[in-house]
Structure formats: C-alpha cells, structure tokens
Amino acid sequence: MLFSSSRTMLLTIDDPVIAPKGLVYSTAPRRAEGDNGRSYFIKGDNNETVFAEIAGCILADAVGLPVPAIALCQFDGDDVRRK
C-alpha cells in the first residue's frame, strides 16, 4: 500500500540525515519516531514541500516506478526542527 489515510503523531523529530558522499538530499530529511513505534523520514515541514513529496510519490507509483510507502504525520511540538 503506497499511502495510508490514517495520521501518525510524531513523538520526536531528530537531526537531519547526512547524505552519503556525492549524493545531495534536496529536502534535508530528518528521522522521526511515531506513536505507533515506527520510524519515519520526514521530507518536509511546510505545506508546499509536503504536497510536492506526496504528489511525486503518487504520480511515480501511477506510472509503475518503485516508491516507498508514504504517510502523513503530525507533530505537536513548538519547533519541528528541535530534537
């Protein structure tokens, strides 16, 4: 299943993921832990980036490209960039 309609609450948002040498991550992804015990890569913390990431995954899946499962998550912290 590409997309789950349930919303996951994030318990933490950690430091940015460091890209391997020679690779550039365009959205400065971060790791996070959800209240469901799963780990996530957060690819954006504003509406524009979130929309672009989700739309890109849905379109890629529609044309048969391999895409990891995606989830819409929520974080109630006062600063999404704080550990």
N, C-alpha and C. Protein backbone atom coordinates (compact mmCIF):
# COMPACT_ATOMS: atom_id res chain seq x y z
N MET A 1 0.85 -1.18 0.00
CA MET A 1 0.00 0.00 0.00
C MET A 1 0.89 1.24 0.00
N LEU A 2 0.70 2.10 -0.96
CA LEU A 2 1.52 3.30 -1.08
C LEU A 2 1.21 4.31 0.01
N PHE A 3 -0.07 4.51 0.30
CA PHE A 3 -0.46 5.60 1.20
C PHE A 3 -1.52 5.14 2.18
N SER A 4 -1.32 5.48 3.43
CA SER A 4 -2.31 5.18 4.45
C SER A 4 -3.02 6.47 4.82
N SER A 5 -4.34 6.42 4.92
CA SER A 5 -5.09 7.64 5.24
C SER A 5 -5.09 7.97 6.73
N SER A 6 -4.58 7.06 7.57
CA SER A 6 -4.52 7.37 8.99
C SER A 6 -3.35 8.31 9.25
N ARG A 7 -3.49 9.14 10.26
CA ARG A 7 -2.46 10.12 10.59
C ARG A 7 -1.67 9.63 11.79
N THR A 8 -0.36 9.72 11.70
CA THR A 8 0.52 9.30 12.77
C THR A 8 1.03 10.52 13.52
N MET A 9 0.99 10.46 14.83
CA MET A 9 1.58 11.52 15.66
C MET A 9 3.05 11.21 15.83
N LEU A 10 3.89 12.19 15.58
CA LEU A 10 5.32 12.02 15.78
C LEU A 10 5.69 12.40 17.21
N LEU A 11 6.52 11.57 17.81
CA LEU A 11 6.98 11.82 19.18
C LEU A 11 8.28 12.60 19.19
N THR A 12 9.12 12.38 18.17
CA THR A 12 10.39 13.09 18.06
C THR A 12 10.64 13.46 16.61
N ILE A 13 11.40 14.50 16.42
CA ILE A 13 11.97 14.81 15.12
C ILE A 13 13.44 15.07 15.40
N ASP A 14 14.29 14.22 14.83
CA ASP A 14 15.71 14.24 15.15
C ASP A 14 16.51 15.08 14.16
N ASP A 15 17.82 15.04 14.33
CA ASP A 15 18.74 15.79 13.47
C ASP A 15 18.60 15.37 12.01
N PRO A 16 19.04 16.23 11.09
CA PRO A 16 18.99 15.89 9.66
C PRO A 16 19.82 14.65 9.35
N VAL A 17 19.36 13.91 8.35
CA VAL A 17 20.08 12.74 7.86
C VAL A 17 21.22 13.24 6.97
N ILE A 18 22.42 12.73 7.20
CA ILE A 18 23.58 13.13 6.41
C ILE A 18 23.65 12.26 5.15
N ALA A 19 23.72 12.91 4.00
CA ALA A 19 23.78 12.19 2.73
C ALA A 19 25.16 11.55 2.53
N PRO A 20 25.19 10.38 1.90
CA PRO A 20 26.48 9.78 1.56
C PRO A 20 27.25 10.71 0.62
N LYS A 21 28.56 10.59 0.61
CA LYS A 21 29.40 11.43 -0.24
C LYS A 21 28.96 11.32 -1.70
N GLY A 22 28.81 12.47 -2.35
CA GLY A 22 28.41 12.51 -3.74
C GLY A 22 26.91 12.54 -3.98
N LEU A 23 26.10 12.45 -2.92
CA LEU A 23 24.65 12.46 -3.04
C LEU A 23 24.10 13.69 -2.31
N VAL A 24 23.12 14.34 -2.90
CA VAL A 24 22.52 15.53 -2.30
C VAL A 24 21.05 15.26 -2.02
N TYR A 25 20.62 15.50 -0.78
CA TYR A 25 19.20 15.39 -0.43
C TYR A 25 18.59 16.79 -0.57
N SER A 26 17.63 16.94 -1.45
CA SER A 26 17.08 18.26 -1.72
C SER A 26 16.18 18.80 -0.61
N THR A 27 15.65 17.95 0.23
CA THR A 27 14.70 18.42 1.24
C THR A 27 15.24 18.34 2.66
N ALA A 28 16.53 18.05 2.86
CA ALA A 28 17.12 17.94 4.19
C ALA A 28 16.27 17.04 5.10
N PRO A 29 16.10 15.78 4.73
CA PRO A 29 15.23 14.89 5.52
C PRO A 29 15.74 14.69 6.94
N ARG A 30 14.80 14.39 7.82
CA ARG A 30 15.10 14.12 9.23
C ARG A 30 14.48 12.78 9.59
N ARG A 31 15.03 12.14 10.59
CA ARG A 31 14.41 10.91 11.13
C ARG A 31 13.42 11.33 12.21
N ALA A 32 12.41 10.49 12.40
CA ALA A 32 11.40 10.76 13.43
C ALA A 32 10.85 9.43 13.93
N GLU A 33 10.31 9.46 15.14
CA GLU A 33 9.67 8.29 15.73
C GLU A 33 8.19 8.59 15.92
N GLY A 34 7.34 7.66 15.45
CA GLY A 34 5.89 7.84 15.56
C GLY A 34 5.33 7.16 16.80
N ASP A 35 4.13 7.56 17.17
CA ASP A 35 3.47 6.97 18.33
C ASP A 35 3.07 5.52 18.09
N ASN A 36 3.21 5.06 16.85
CA ASN A 36 2.91 3.67 16.51
C ASN A 36 4.15 2.78 16.57
N GLY A 37 5.27 3.33 17.03
CA GLY A 37 6.50 2.56 17.15
C GLY A 37 7.33 2.47 15.88
N ARG A 38 6.89 3.10 14.82
CA ARG A 38 7.61 3.05 13.55
C ARG A 38 8.52 4.26 13.41
N SER A 39 9.58 4.10 12.62
CA SER A 39 10.49 5.19 12.30
C SER A 39 10.12 5.78 10.95
N TYR A 40 10.32 7.07 10.80
CA TYR A 40 9.97 7.78 9.57
C TYR A 40 11.11 8.67 9.13
N PHE A 41 11.14 8.97 7.82
CA PHE A 41 11.98 10.02 7.28
C PHE A 41 11.05 11.18 6.97
N ILE A 42 11.28 12.31 7.59
CA ILE A 42 10.45 13.50 7.37
C ILE A 42 11.05 14.27 6.21
N LYS A 43 10.28 14.47 5.16
CA LYS A 43 10.80 15.09 3.94
C LYS A 43 10.38 16.55 3.80
N GLY A 44 9.62 17.07 4.75
CA GLY A 44 9.23 18.47 4.65
C GLY A 44 8.41 18.88 5.85
N ASP A 45 8.50 20.15 6.19
CA ASP A 45 7.72 20.65 7.33
C ASP A 45 6.89 21.86 6.95
N ASN A 46 6.66 22.05 5.64
CA ASN A 46 5.75 23.11 5.21
C ASN A 46 4.81 22.52 4.15
N ASN A 47 3.70 23.16 3.95
CA ASN A 47 2.66 22.61 3.07
C ASN A 47 3.15 22.38 1.64
N GLU A 48 3.96 23.28 1.12
CA GLU A 48 4.43 23.16 -0.26
C GLU A 48 5.30 21.92 -0.44
N THR A 49 6.25 21.70 0.47
CA THR A 49 7.13 20.55 0.36
C THR A 49 6.38 19.25 0.58
N VAL A 50 5.50 19.22 1.57
CA VAL A 50 4.71 18.03 1.85
C VAL A 50 3.85 17.67 0.63
N PHE A 51 3.19 18.65 0.04
CA PHE A 51 2.38 18.39 -1.14
C PHE A 51 3.23 17.84 -2.29
N ALA A 52 4.37 18.49 -2.54
CA ALA A 52 5.24 18.05 -3.64
C ALA A 52 5.73 16.62 -3.43
N GLU A 53 6.11 16.27 -2.22
CA GLU A 53 6.60 14.92 -1.93
C GLU A 53 5.50 13.88 -2.11
N ILE A 54 4.32 14.15 -1.57
CA ILE A 54 3.21 13.19 -1.68
C ILE A 54 2.75 13.07 -3.14
N ALA A 55 2.60 14.20 -3.83
CA ALA A 55 2.17 14.16 -5.23
C ALA A 55 3.19 13.42 -6.08
N GLY A 56 4.47 13.67 -5.84
CA GLY A 56 5.51 12.98 -6.60
C GLY A 56 5.46 11.48 -6.41
N CYS A 57 5.26 11.04 -5.18
CA CYS A 57 5.17 9.60 -4.91
C CYS A 57 3.94 8.98 -5.57
N ILE A 58 2.81 9.66 -5.49
CA ILE A 58 1.59 9.13 -6.09
C ILE A 58 1.73 9.05 -7.61
N LEU A 59 2.29 10.07 -8.23
CA LEU A 59 2.48 10.06 -9.69
C LEU A 59 3.49 8.99 -10.11
N ALA A 60 4.59 8.86 -9.37
CA ALA A 60 5.58 7.83 -9.69
C ALA A 60 4.96 6.44 -9.59
N ASP A 61 4.18 6.21 -8.55
CA ASP A 61 3.51 4.92 -8.38
C ASP A 61 2.53 4.66 -9.53
N ALA A 62 1.84 5.70 -9.97
CA ALA A 62 0.84 5.55 -11.03
C ALA A 62 1.47 5.11 -12.36
N VAL A 63 2.74 5.45 -12.57
CA VAL A 63 3.39 5.04 -13.83
C VAL A 63 4.29 3.82 -13.63
N GLY A 64 4.19 3.21 -12.45
CA GLY A 64 4.89 1.95 -12.22
C GLY A 64 6.30 2.05 -11.67
N LEU A 65 6.73 3.23 -11.24
CA LEU A 65 8.05 3.36 -10.63
C LEU A 65 8.01 2.87 -9.19
N PRO A 66 9.07 2.25 -8.71
CA PRO A 66 9.08 1.80 -7.31
C PRO A 66 9.14 3.00 -6.37
N VAL A 67 8.23 3.00 -5.41
CA VAL A 67 8.12 4.11 -4.46
C VAL A 67 7.93 3.53 -3.07
N PRO A 68 8.64 4.05 -2.07
CA PRO A 68 8.41 3.56 -0.72
C PRO A 68 7.03 4.02 -0.21
N ALA A 69 6.51 3.31 0.77
CA ALA A 69 5.23 3.70 1.37
C ALA A 69 5.37 5.10 1.97
N ILE A 70 4.31 5.88 1.89
CA ILE A 70 4.31 7.23 2.44
C ILE A 70 3.24 7.36 3.51
N ALA A 71 3.43 8.30 4.41
CA ALA A 71 2.45 8.54 5.48
C ALA A 71 2.38 10.03 5.76
N LEU A 72 1.23 10.50 6.10
CA LEU A 72 1.05 11.88 6.53
C LEU A 72 1.13 11.88 8.05
N CYS A 73 2.08 12.64 8.59
CA CYS A 73 2.32 12.65 10.03
C CYS A 73 2.07 14.03 10.60
N GLN A 74 1.87 14.07 11.90
CA GLN A 74 1.63 15.33 12.60
C GLN A 74 2.57 15.41 13.80
N PHE A 75 3.08 16.60 14.05
CA PHE A 75 3.95 16.84 15.21
C PHE A 75 3.41 18.03 15.96
N ASP A 76 3.14 17.87 17.26
CA ASP A 76 2.57 18.95 18.04
C ASP A 76 3.60 19.76 18.81
N GLY A 77 4.88 19.52 18.56
CA GLY A 77 5.93 20.29 19.22
C GLY A 77 5.91 21.72 18.75
N ASP A 78 6.53 22.61 19.51
CA ASP A 78 6.50 24.02 19.13
C ASP A 78 7.56 24.35 18.08
N ASP A 79 8.48 23.44 17.83
CA ASP A 79 9.52 23.67 16.83
C ASP A 79 9.88 22.34 16.17
N VAL A 80 9.49 22.14 14.93
CA VAL A 80 9.71 20.85 14.27
C VAL A 80 11.19 20.58 14.01
N ARG A 81 12.05 21.53 14.21
CA ARG A 81 13.48 21.32 13.99
C ARG A 81 14.21 20.99 15.29
N ARG A 82 13.49 20.89 16.39
CA ARG A 82 14.13 20.59 17.67
C ARG A 82 14.07 19.08 17.94
N LYS A 83 15.11 18.57 18.53
CA LYS A 83 15.19 17.15 18.85
C LYS A 83 14.26 16.83 20.00
